[in-house]
Amino acid sequence: MTHNTQQPQPNEGERQTPVDFEAIRAQFPILDQKIHGHPFVYLDSGATAQKPECVVEAESEFYRTINAGVHRGAHELAARSTEAFEYARAQVARLVNANAEEGSEEIVVTQGATGGLNELAIAFGNASLGRGGEAAKRFALKPGDEIVVSKAEHHSVLLPFQELAARTGATLRWLDLTPDGRVRTDNVEDVITERTKIVAVTHISNVTGAITDIPTLVRRAHEVGALFVLDACQSIPHIRVDVKALDVDFACWSAHKMYGPTGVGFLYGKRELLEALPPAFFGGSMVELAWMDKPAQYMEPPARFEAGTQPVAQVVAAGVAAEWMMAIGMDAIAEHERMLTRKLLTIGDIPGFRILGPTDETDRIGTVAFDVEGVHPHDVGQFADSQGIAIRVGHHCAQPVHRHFGLYASNRVSCGVYNNLDDVDRLLETLGKVRGFFLG
């Protein structure tokens, strides 16, 4: 396994010519099958994206050719696997415009977005216990301090920071939602105050598909000296995300939603913050020196946050996914999905159907949740599945936003780079039959 050692700039490789999305669709062999006798339509990318052949092959090739422990061992295979691991980290850094020099020191490998968000919350909690010394005091929380989230949060944001508040005596506050489910920013000065220490908010809701006004929230957080944590799970696969331009302090996302493998994710942190943050997990490969009678001396980031054996093959494949996305071009991906979103939103024109979220394509992606009057979401999902169409049903790990709409569950369709207008036509035709089938 060989790699190009040149490091292109973040925007390098963006296509200037039209993209053949049908040729891209052909790179996903899983779509070339029938489900219940019907051609397969996959509209559940918000849960997990399908994988192009190059990603599947990259993980397999790693195991076939250079499988070895990274950052340990002096043999040739260990050197090759370490090179591949760090090259992949650099490609992920390029995708979000994090620093890619000196070993991509701003990108930490995690178990996924959930793992990264929990890791941050645990690390902040450790700082609150006095771990990390003087430099870590900026992360410490105490009674009277406040943590701000929003009602649009996935439970992977809400619960770790809710627990952090409970452990430290801090107070959890939240940004409310507009009637169509967007995170409110008009009253930001009332919610994010001088008492706020952490703001953790989703970039794009996994229910409404609405893009949050992150610049306004980041500006206010930094005005009061608070840290900003971005959940980028639903944004990185669909739109261009530049962590430097957004000026977020931390960001977490999963590889499996950006056409990469399961079991791995990434945590971005500004270099100076990662250097001051105490680790959350402990074990091999994250210490410079360890003694029996005094605290260990931890390695520099990102190594200090990567205790134990990492999912190396999955990281390598995630790096390939990042390169693959950049080769297509994030702007091209966003424009293709905008076209699909425009048609998906006509779901709201079907009698008895209500869209949860913005009903036009402005500042949203092709994630469309909806309620069907008189029909349970599980029945809708099973009916769609009988026609070979995969959609999501349930509360999508985001119960507060469903309560905002007066519901406990919904149906959700979410598109990816491999979907086309034929997929949407099949969906619309099927949904148009749902109420007649169940209600007569």
Protein backbone atom coordinates (compact mmCIF):
# COMPACT_ATOMS: atom_id res chain seq x y z
CA MET A 1 0.00 0.00 0.00
CA THR A 2 1.58 3.25 -1.15
CA HIS A 3 0.53 6.82 -0.64
CA ASN A 4 1.21 10.18 -2.21
CA THR A 5 3.27 12.07 0.35
CA GLN A 6 2.41 15.50 -1.06
CA GLN A 7 -0.24 17.27 0.99
CA PRO A 8 -2.65 19.24 -1.23
CA GLN A 9 -4.32 22.36 0.09
CA PRO A 10 -7.86 21.96 1.46
CA ASN A 11 -9.62 23.06 -1.73
CA GLU A 12 -7.28 21.27 -4.09
CA GLY A 13 -8.87 18.38 -5.96
CA GLU A 14 -12.32 20.03 -6.12
CA ARG A 15 -13.78 19.24 -9.54
CA GLN A 16 -14.34 22.10 -11.95
CA THR A 17 -16.27 20.01 -14.50
CA PRO A 18 -19.73 18.44 -14.14
CA VAL A 19 -19.80 15.29 -12.03
CA ASP A 20 -21.31 12.08 -13.39
CA PHE A 21 -23.36 11.05 -10.38
CA GLU A 22 -24.69 7.95 -12.13
CA ALA A 23 -21.10 6.74 -12.47
CA ILE A 24 -20.63 7.47 -8.76
CA ARG A 25 -23.78 5.50 -7.95
CA ALA A 26 -22.29 2.53 -9.81
CA GLN A 27 -19.44 2.47 -7.25
CA PHE A 28 -21.89 1.18 -4.60
CA PRO A 29 -22.46 -2.53 -5.28
CA ILE A 30 -24.94 -2.87 -2.39
CA LEU A 31 -27.47 -0.83 -4.37
CA ASP A 32 -27.48 -3.38 -7.20
CA GLN A 33 -29.94 -5.80 -5.60
CA LYS A 34 -33.63 -6.37 -5.12
CA ILE A 35 -35.48 -6.18 -1.81
CA HIS A 36 -38.81 -8.04 -1.64
CA GLY A 37 -38.64 -8.31 -5.42
CA HIS A 38 -38.19 -4.58 -6.02
CA PRO A 39 -35.09 -2.61 -7.05
CA PHE A 40 -33.44 -1.35 -3.87
CA VAL A 41 -33.79 2.32 -2.91
CA TYR A 42 -31.69 3.37 0.07
CA LEU A 43 -32.88 6.58 1.77
CA ASP A 44 -31.39 6.12 5.25
CA SER A 45 -27.98 7.76 4.89
CA GLY A 46 -28.66 9.85 7.99
CA ALA A 47 -28.32 6.63 9.99
CA THR A 48 -25.34 5.26 8.05
CA ALA A 49 -24.09 5.87 4.54
CA GLN A 50 -23.30 3.08 2.11
CA LYS A 51 -19.64 2.55 1.17
CA PRO A 52 -18.05 2.94 -2.26
CA GLU A 53 -15.91 0.08 -3.52
CA CYS A 54 -12.68 2.03 -2.95
CA VAL A 55 -13.44 2.26 0.79
CA VAL A 56 -14.39 -1.41 1.08
CA GLU A 57 -11.23 -2.37 -0.81
CA ALA A 58 -8.99 -0.10 1.30
CA GLU A 59 -10.01 -1.81 4.54
CA SER A 60 -9.61 -5.25 3.00
CA GLU A 61 -6.26 -4.38 1.42
CA PHE A 62 -4.90 -3.18 4.75
CA TYR A 63 -5.60 -6.56 6.33
CA ARG A 64 -4.20 -8.40 3.33
CA THR A 65 -0.95 -6.46 3.05
CA ILE A 66 0.22 -4.31 5.99
CA ASN A 67 -1.76 -5.20 9.11
CA ALA A 68 0.37 -4.32 12.16
CA GLY A 69 0.28 -2.20 15.30
CA VAL A 70 0.92 1.49 14.69
CA HIS A 71 3.36 3.73 16.58
CA ARG A 72 5.03 0.70 18.13
CA GLY A 73 7.27 -1.99 16.75
CA ALA A 74 10.39 -1.40 14.65
CA HIS A 75 9.65 -3.84 11.84
CA GLU A 76 8.78 -2.87 8.26
CA LEU A 77 5.11 -3.78 8.45
CA ALA A 78 4.64 -1.61 11.55
CA ALA A 79 6.28 1.29 9.74
CA ARG A 80 4.03 0.87 6.72
CA SER A 81 0.86 0.62 8.78
CA THR A 82 1.85 3.71 10.78
CA GLU A 83 2.47 5.63 7.57
CA ALA A 84 -0.93 4.60 6.20
CA PHE A 85 -2.65 5.49 9.50
CA GLU A 86 -1.11 8.97 9.66
CA TYR A 87 -1.68 9.60 5.96
CA ALA A 88 -5.38 8.86 6.52
CA ARG A 89 -5.48 11.22 9.49
CA ALA A 90 -4.04 13.94 7.25
CA GLN A 91 -6.73 13.38 4.61
CA VAL A 92 -9.46 13.71 7.23
CA ALA A 93 -7.79 16.92 8.41
CA ARG A 94 -7.79 18.25 4.84
CA LEU A 95 -11.49 17.48 4.47
CA VAL A 96 -12.38 19.88 7.31
CA ASN A 97 -9.40 22.27 6.88
CA ALA A 98 -7.76 21.31 10.17
CA ASN A 99 -3.98 21.54 10.43
CA ALA A 100 -2.53 18.71 8.34
CA GLU A 101 1.12 19.46 9.10
CA GLU A 102 3.21 17.76 11.76
CA GLY A 103 1.10 14.61 11.90
CA SER A 104 -2.33 16.27 11.70
CA GLU A 105 -2.07 17.23 15.34
CA GLU A 106 -5.62 18.64 15.52
CA ILE A 107 -7.42 15.37 14.61
CA VAL A 108 -7.97 12.70 17.28
CA VAL A 109 -9.24 9.22 16.41
CA THR A 110 -12.32 8.25 18.43
CA GLN A 111 -14.86 5.43 18.53
CA GLY A 112 -17.31 7.63 16.62
CA ALA A 113 -19.09 10.93 17.19
CA THR A 114 -20.70 9.52 20.34
CA GLY A 115 -17.29 8.40 21.57
CA GLY A 116 -15.73 11.78 20.82
CA LEU A 117 -18.47 13.77 22.54
CA ASN A 118 -18.30 11.54 25.60
CA GLU A 119 -14.51 11.80 25.58
CA LEU A 120 -14.75 15.58 25.66
CA ALA A 121 -17.31 15.55 28.46
CA ILE A 122 -15.19 13.15 30.52
CA ALA A 123 -12.06 15.23 29.91
CA PHE A 124 -13.86 18.41 31.02
CA GLY A 125 -15.01 16.50 34.09
CA ASN A 126 -11.43 15.42 34.82
CA ALA A 127 -10.31 19.04 34.57
CA SER A 128 -13.06 19.91 37.04
CA LEU A 129 -11.46 17.44 39.47
CA GLY A 130 -8.16 19.27 39.19
CA ARG A 131 -6.52 16.95 36.67
CA GLY A 132 -4.27 18.51 34.07
CA GLY A 133 -2.77 21.21 36.24
CA GLU A 134 -2.94 24.95 35.72
CA ALA A 135 -3.43 24.74 31.95
CA ALA A 136 -6.57 22.62 32.32
CA LYS A 137 -8.38 25.05 34.64
CA ARG A 138 -9.97 26.73 31.60
CA PHE A 139 -12.06 23.55 31.13
CA ALA A 140 -13.12 23.16 34.78
CA LEU A 141 -16.77 23.49 35.79
CA LYS A 142 -18.33 24.23 39.17
CA PRO A 143 -21.74 25.04 40.64
CA GLY A 144 -23.02 28.28 39.12
CA ASP A 145 -21.43 27.59 35.74
CA GLU A 146 -23.67 26.78 32.78
CA ILE A 147 -23.57 24.42 29.79
CA VAL A 148 -25.74 25.31 26.79
CA VAL A 149 -27.15 22.84 24.25
CA SER A 150 -30.27 23.03 22.08
CA LYS A 151 -33.57 21.20 21.82
CA ALA A 152 -32.46 19.96 18.40
CA GLU A 153 -29.66 17.81 19.80
CA HIS A 154 -29.10 14.15 19.15
CA HIS A 155 -28.89 12.28 22.44
CA SER A 156 -25.14 11.87 21.82
CA VAL A 157 -24.79 15.59 22.50
CA LEU A 158 -27.53 16.06 25.07
CA LEU A 159 -26.74 13.16 27.41
CA PRO A 160 -22.94 13.51 27.82
CA PHE A 161 -23.25 17.20 28.66
CA GLN A 162 -26.31 16.64 30.82
CA GLU A 163 -24.25 14.12 32.79
CA LEU A 164 -21.28 16.51 32.92
CA ALA A 165 -23.55 19.13 34.48
CA ALA A 166 -24.80 16.61 37.03
CA ARG A 167 -21.26 15.54 37.97
CA THR A 168 -19.89 19.07 38.37
CA GLY A 169 -22.89 20.93 39.76
CA ALA A 170 -23.15 23.09 36.64
CA THR A 171 -26.55 24.00 35.18
CA LEU A 172 -27.73 22.75 31.79
CA ARG A 173 -29.54 25.36 29.67
CA TRP A 174 -30.79 25.13 26.11
CA LEU A 175 -31.60 27.10 23.02
CA ASP A 176 -35.22 26.67 21.97
CA LEU A 177 -36.53 26.00 18.46
CA THR A 178 -38.53 28.04 15.99
CA PRO A 179 -41.93 26.65 14.94
CA ASP A 180 -40.33 24.90 11.94
CA GLY A 181 -37.62 23.35 14.13
CA ARG A 182 -34.60 25.59 13.58
CA VAL A 183 -32.33 26.39 16.53
CA ARG A 184 -33.25 29.87 17.72
CA THR A 185 -30.46 32.46 17.73
CA ASP A 186 -32.53 35.64 18.13
CA ASN A 187 -32.30 35.42 21.94
CA VAL A 188 -28.74 34.10 22.08
CA GLU A 189 -27.60 36.78 24.55
CA ASP A 190 -30.25 35.65 27.04
CA VAL A 191 -29.21 31.99 26.89
CA ILE A 192 -25.42 32.22 26.44
CA THR A 193 -24.30 34.46 29.30
CA GLU A 194 -21.21 35.27 31.36
CA ARG A 195 -21.95 32.08 33.32
CA THR A 196 -21.73 29.89 30.20
CA LYS A 197 -18.58 27.74 29.99
CA ILE A 198 -19.50 25.30 27.19
CA VAL A 199 -21.84 25.53 24.21
CA ALA A 200 -22.45 22.20 22.41
CA VAL A 201 -24.75 22.36 19.39
CA THR A 202 -25.50 20.37 16.25
CA HIS A 203 -24.45 21.77 12.89
CA ILE A 204 -27.43 20.10 11.15
CA SER A 205 -30.38 18.44 12.86
CA ASN A 206 -30.71 14.74 12.14
CA VAL A 207 -34.50 15.19 12.25
CA THR A 208 -35.33 18.48 10.55
CA GLY A 209 -32.28 18.72 8.25
CA ALA A 210 -32.01 22.40 9.24
CA ILE A 211 -28.57 24.01 9.18
CA THR A 212 -27.87 25.86 12.44
CA ASP A 213 -26.57 29.42 12.38
CA ILE A 214 -23.24 28.34 13.87
CA PRO A 215 -21.32 31.63 13.27
CA THR A 216 -23.78 33.57 15.46
CA LEU A 217 -23.54 31.01 18.27
CA VAL A 218 -19.73 30.77 18.08
CA ARG A 219 -19.39 34.54 18.17
CA ARG A 220 -21.56 34.81 21.26
CA ALA A 221 -19.83 31.89 22.99
CA HIS A 222 -16.41 33.45 22.48
CA GLU A 223 -17.67 36.87 23.61
CA VAL A 224 -18.36 35.38 27.04
CA GLY A 225 -15.26 33.16 27.06
CA ALA A 226 -17.12 29.87 26.50
CA LEU A 227 -15.86 26.89 24.52
CA PHE A 228 -17.84 25.80 21.46
CA VAL A 229 -18.33 22.11 20.62
CA LEU A 230 -19.82 21.26 17.20
CA ASP A 231 -21.65 18.04 16.37
CA ALA A 232 -20.73 17.76 12.68
CA CYS A 233 -22.13 14.26 12.04
CA GLN A 234 -24.87 15.40 9.67
CA SER A 235 -22.92 18.20 7.98
CA ILE A 236 -19.55 16.77 6.93
CA PRO A 237 -21.03 14.21 4.47
CA HIS A 238 -23.24 16.81 2.79
CA ILE A 239 -21.74 20.31 2.76
CA ARG A 240 -18.31 21.91 2.90
CA VAL A 241 -17.22 22.20 6.54
CA ASP A 242 -14.25 24.43 7.38
CA VAL A 243 -13.48 24.27 11.08
CA LYS A 244 -11.10 27.22 10.83
CA ALA A 245 -13.66 29.48 9.15
CA LEU A 246 -16.34 28.43 11.65
CA ASP A 247 -13.85 29.04 14.50
CA VAL A 248 -15.27 26.17 16.56
CA ASP A 249 -13.08 24.96 19.42
CA PHE A 250 -13.96 21.28 19.06
CA ALA A 251 -15.94 19.20 16.56
CA CYS A 252 -16.93 15.53 16.46
CA TRP A 253 -18.18 13.32 13.64
CA SER A 254 -18.41 9.68 12.56
CA ALA A 255 -16.71 8.00 9.61
CA HIS A 256 -19.66 5.77 8.79
CA LYS A 257 -21.86 8.72 7.84
CA MET A 258 -19.18 10.09 5.45
CA TYR A 259 -19.05 6.88 3.38
CA GLY A 260 -16.39 5.33 5.62
CA PRO A 261 -16.36 2.31 7.97
CA THR A 262 -18.22 1.87 11.22
CA GLY A 263 -16.47 1.87 14.58
CA VAL A 264 -14.38 5.01 14.09
CA GLY A 265 -14.83 8.76 14.27
CA PHE A 266 -12.84 11.92 14.71
CA LEU A 267 -12.48 14.73 17.19
CA TYR A 268 -11.14 18.05 15.97
CA GLY A 269 -9.67 20.41 18.56
CA LYS A 270 -7.68 23.60 18.28
CA ARG A 271 -4.07 22.69 18.90
CA GLU A 272 -3.64 24.93 21.95
CA LEU A 273 -6.78 23.47 23.54
CA LEU A 274 -5.78 19.87 22.96
CA GLU A 275 -2.40 20.63 24.52
CA ALA A 276 -4.14 21.86 27.70
CA LEU A 277 -6.95 19.29 27.89
CA PRO A 278 -6.39 16.32 30.22
CA PRO A 279 -7.00 12.86 28.74
CA ALA A 280 -10.22 10.96 29.32
CA PHE A 281 -8.98 7.40 28.72
CA PHE A 282 -5.79 5.79 29.89
CA GLY A 283 -3.56 2.94 28.80
CA GLY A 284 -0.85 2.09 26.33
CA SER A 285 0.63 4.42 23.73
CA MET A 286 -0.49 7.67 25.39
CA VAL A 287 2.27 8.24 27.96
CA GLU A 288 5.86 9.37 27.68
CA LEU A 289 6.78 8.15 31.17
CA ALA A 290 4.91 6.14 33.82
CA TRP A 291 5.91 5.51 37.44
CA MET A 292 4.48 3.63 40.38
CA ASP A 293 4.68 6.54 42.82
CA LYS A 294 3.72 9.65 40.79
CA PRO A 295 1.41 10.67 37.94
CA ALA A 296 2.34 9.74 34.39
CA GLN A 297 3.71 12.18 31.88
CA TYR A 298 1.35 12.13 28.92
CA MET A 299 2.31 12.43 25.27
CA GLU A 300 1.50 15.43 23.12
CA PRO A 301 -1.80 15.47 21.20
CA PRO A 302 -3.23 13.62 19.46
CA ALA A 303 -1.46 10.60 20.99
CA ARG A 304 -2.47 11.45 24.57
CA PHE A 305 -6.13 10.94 23.59
CA GLU A 306 -5.59 7.64 21.77
CA ALA A 307 -5.02 5.07 24.49
CA GLY A 308 -4.79 1.46 23.41
CA THR A 309 -4.92 -0.14 19.99
CA GLN A 310 -6.68 2.00 17.43
CA PRO A 311 -9.05 0.76 14.67
CA VAL A 312 -6.25 1.16 12.16
CA ALA A 313 -7.85 -0.50 9.13
CA GLN A 314 -11.00 1.54 9.63
CA VAL A 315 -9.02 4.79 9.94
CA VAL A 316 -7.14 4.00 6.73
CA ALA A 317 -10.43 3.35 4.93
CA ALA A 318 -11.92 6.56 6.40
CA GLY A 319 -8.98 8.45 4.92
CA VAL A 320 -9.84 6.97 1.53
CA ALA A 321 -13.45 8.08 2.02
CA ALA A 322 -12.27 11.62 2.75
CA GLU A 323 -10.11 11.65 -0.39
CA TRP A 324 -13.01 10.24 -2.41
CA MET A 325 -15.38 12.97 -1.21
CA MET A 326 -12.84 15.70 -1.94
CA ALA A 327 -12.24 14.28 -5.43
CA ILE A 328 -15.97 14.57 -6.19
CA GLY A 329 -16.05 18.02 -4.60
CA MET A 330 -18.10 19.00 -1.57
CA ASP A 331 -19.78 21.82 -3.46
CA ALA A 332 -20.82 19.37 -6.19
CA ILE A 333 -22.17 16.96 -3.59
CA ALA A 334 -24.15 19.76 -1.91
CA GLU A 335 -25.62 20.92 -5.23
CA HIS A 336 -26.61 17.36 -6.23
CA GLU A 337 -28.34 16.80 -2.90
CA ARG A 338 -30.03 20.22 -3.08
CA MET A 339 -31.73 19.07 -6.26
CA LEU A 340 -32.93 15.93 -4.48
CA THR A 341 -34.05 17.94 -1.45
CA ARG A 342 -36.24 20.17 -3.60
CA LYS A 343 -38.21 17.14 -4.76
CA LEU A 344 -38.19 15.36 -1.41
CA LEU A 345 -39.94 18.35 0.12
CA THR A 346 -42.97 17.65 -2.06
CA ILE A 347 -43.73 14.94 0.50
CA GLY A 348 -45.53 17.76 2.27
CA ASP A 349 -47.94 18.04 -0.65
CA ILE A 350 -49.32 14.54 -0.08
CA PRO A 351 -52.67 14.77 1.77
CA GLY A 352 -52.28 13.92 5.45
CA PHE A 353 -48.47 14.30 5.45
CA ARG A 354 -46.68 16.89 7.62
CA ILE A 355 -42.99 17.70 7.29
CA LEU A 356 -41.11 18.24 10.55
CA GLY A 357 -38.73 21.06 9.73
CA PRO A 358 -38.27 23.74 7.08
CA THR A 359 -40.44 23.17 4.02
CA ASP A 360 -38.15 24.87 1.53
CA GLU A 361 -34.58 24.07 0.58
CA THR A 362 -33.01 27.17 2.15
CA ASP A 363 -30.34 26.32 4.74
CA ARG A 364 -31.25 22.66 4.99
CA ILE A 365 -30.15 19.31 3.58
CA GLY A 366 -31.95 16.29 2.18
CA THR A 367 -32.96 14.88 5.54
CA VAL A 368 -36.75 15.08 5.70
CA ALA A 369 -38.76 13.77 8.63
CA PHE A 370 -42.53 13.58 8.35
CA ASP A 371 -45.67 12.47 10.13
CA VAL A 372 -48.57 10.70 8.47
CA GLU A 373 -51.99 11.44 9.92
CA GLY A 374 -53.63 8.28 11.21
CA VAL A 375 -50.74 5.92 10.40
CA HIS A 376 -48.02 4.86 12.83
CA PRO A 377 -44.44 5.52 11.64
CA HIS A 378 -43.55 1.83 11.93
CA ASP A 379 -46.40 0.93 9.60
CA VAL A 380 -45.22 3.53 7.09
CA GLY A 381 -41.67 2.17 7.28
CA GLN A 382 -42.80 -1.42 6.79
CA PHE A 383 -44.96 -0.45 3.83
CA ALA A 384 -42.00 1.36 2.24
CA ASP A 385 -39.77 -1.66 2.91
CA SER A 386 -42.28 -3.95 1.18
CA GLN A 387 -41.64 -1.83 -1.93
CA GLY A 388 -37.85 -2.13 -1.58
CA ILE A 389 -37.38 1.34 -0.06
CA ALA A 390 -35.31 1.77 3.13
CA ILE A 391 -36.28 4.71 5.37
CA ARG A 392 -35.90 5.37 9.10
CA VAL A 393 -38.68 5.22 11.68
CA GLY A 394 -38.70 6.13 15.39
CA HIS A 395 -37.46 9.12 17.36
CA HIS A 396 -34.02 9.08 15.68
CA CYS A 397 -32.27 9.46 19.07
CA ALA A 398 -33.68 12.99 19.30
CA GLN A 399 -36.74 12.91 21.54
CA PRO A 400 -36.88 16.61 22.58
CA VAL A 401 -37.20 17.83 18.99
CA HIS A 402 -40.04 15.37 18.41
CA ARG A 403 -41.82 16.69 21.49
CA HIS A 404 -41.43 20.17 19.99
CA PHE A 405 -43.66 18.96 17.15
CA GLY A 406 -46.05 17.18 19.53
CA LEU A 407 -44.87 13.71 18.51
CA TYR A 408 -42.96 10.74 19.91
CA ALA A 409 -41.77 9.36 16.59
CA SER A 410 -41.67 10.07 12.87
CA ASN A 411 -40.55 8.73 9.52
CA ARG A 412 -37.33 10.05 8.04
CA VAL A 413 -35.81 9.93 4.58
CA SER A 414 -32.22 11.05 4.12
CA CYS A 415 -30.32 11.12 0.86
CA GLY A 416 -26.72 10.58 -0.10
CA VAL A 417 -24.45 11.11 -3.05
CA TYR A 418 -25.70 7.90 -4.69
CA ASN A 419 -29.40 8.82 -4.77
CA ASN A 420 -31.13 10.15 -7.87
CA LEU A 421 -34.51 11.54 -8.89
CA ASP A 422 -35.75 8.06 -9.79
CA ASP A 423 -35.27 7.08 -6.14
CA VAL A 424 -37.34 10.05 -5.02
CA ASP A 425 -40.05 9.29 -7.58
CA ARG A 426 -40.25 5.71 -6.27
CA LEU A 427 -40.54 7.04 -2.73
CA LEU A 428 -43.25 9.58 -3.58
CA GLU A 429 -45.27 6.98 -5.46
CA THR A 430 -45.08 4.61 -2.50
CA LEU A 431 -45.92 7.24 0.12
CA GLY A 432 -48.90 8.31 -1.94
CA LYS A 433 -50.42 4.86 -1.35
CA VAL A 434 -49.82 4.67 2.41
CA ARG A 435 -52.99 6.23 3.79
CA GLY A 436 -55.19 4.43 1.30
CA PHE A 437 -53.61 1.11 2.24
CA PHE A 438 -53.99 1.55 6.00
CA LEU A 439 -57.08 3.72 6.26
CA GLY A 440 -59.05 2.54 3.25
